[in-house]
Protein backbone atom coordinates (compact mmCIF):
# COMPACT_ATOMS: atom_id res chain seq x y z
CA UNK A 1 -98.02 25.08 -29.40
CA UNK A 2 -97.45 28.61 -28.14
CA UNK A 3 -97.54 29.69 -24.49
CA UNK A 4 -99.06 32.99 -25.67
CA UNK A 5 -102.82 33.37 -25.93
CA UNK A 6 -104.19 33.44 -29.46
CA UNK A 7 -106.16 36.59 -28.65
CA UNK A 8 -103.04 38.60 -27.74
CA UNK A 9 -103.42 42.04 -29.32
CA UNK A 10 -100.63 43.72 -31.31
CA UNK A 11 -99.70 46.38 -28.74
CA UNK A 12 -99.21 43.98 -25.79
CA UNK A 13 -97.34 41.60 -28.11
CA UNK A 14 -94.91 44.37 -29.12
CA UNK A 15 -94.42 45.36 -25.48
CA UNK A 16 -93.71 41.73 -24.60
CA UNK A 17 -91.16 41.45 -27.41
CA UNK A 18 -89.43 44.67 -26.28
CA UNK A 19 -89.24 43.45 -22.70
CA UNK A 20 -87.78 40.13 -23.86
CA UNK A 21 -85.12 41.91 -25.93
CA UNK A 22 -84.20 44.10 -22.95
CA UNK A 23 -83.86 41.06 -20.70
CA UNK A 24 -81.69 39.20 -23.21
CA UNK A 25 -79.45 42.21 -23.79
CA UNK A 26 -79.10 42.67 -20.02
CA UNK A 27 -77.71 39.18 -19.50
CA UNK A 28 -74.07 39.23 -18.43
CA UNK A 29 -72.27 37.40 -21.22
CA UNK A 30 -68.51 37.16 -21.34
CA UNK A 31 -66.77 35.14 -23.99
CA UNK A 32 -63.11 35.84 -24.72
CA UNK A 33 -63.48 34.45 -28.25
CA UNK A 34 -66.22 36.90 -29.25
CA UNK A 35 -65.49 40.64 -29.13
CA UNK A 36 -68.21 42.89 -27.72
CA UNK A 37 -70.07 44.76 -30.43
CA UNK A 38 -71.07 48.07 -28.88
CA UNK A 39 -72.58 49.25 -32.19
CA UNK A 40 -75.11 46.40 -32.28
CA UNK A 41 -75.97 46.88 -28.62
CA UNK A 42 -76.40 50.61 -29.25
CA UNK A 43 -78.65 49.93 -32.24
CA UNK A 44 -81.06 47.85 -30.17
CA UNK A 45 -81.03 50.42 -27.37
CA UNK A 46 -81.72 53.23 -29.85
CA UNK A 47 -84.53 51.38 -31.64
CA UNK A 48 -86.25 50.36 -28.43
CA UNK A 49 -85.81 53.83 -26.96
CA UNK A 50 -87.49 55.47 -29.95
CA UNK A 51 -90.51 53.19 -29.79
CA UNK A 52 -91.05 53.93 -26.10
CA UNK A 53 -90.76 57.71 -26.52
């Protein structure tokens, strides 16, 4: 039971996934028990940036 239409083409689906990742990564999350991993954040930023270029 997906909220996405079955006829969703590949390109709009990829754009939707990229936008979702950007929104999730933009959420302000602070947890003293978990150190921030700038490398992982940078990886996602780099990968998404290359696809949009």
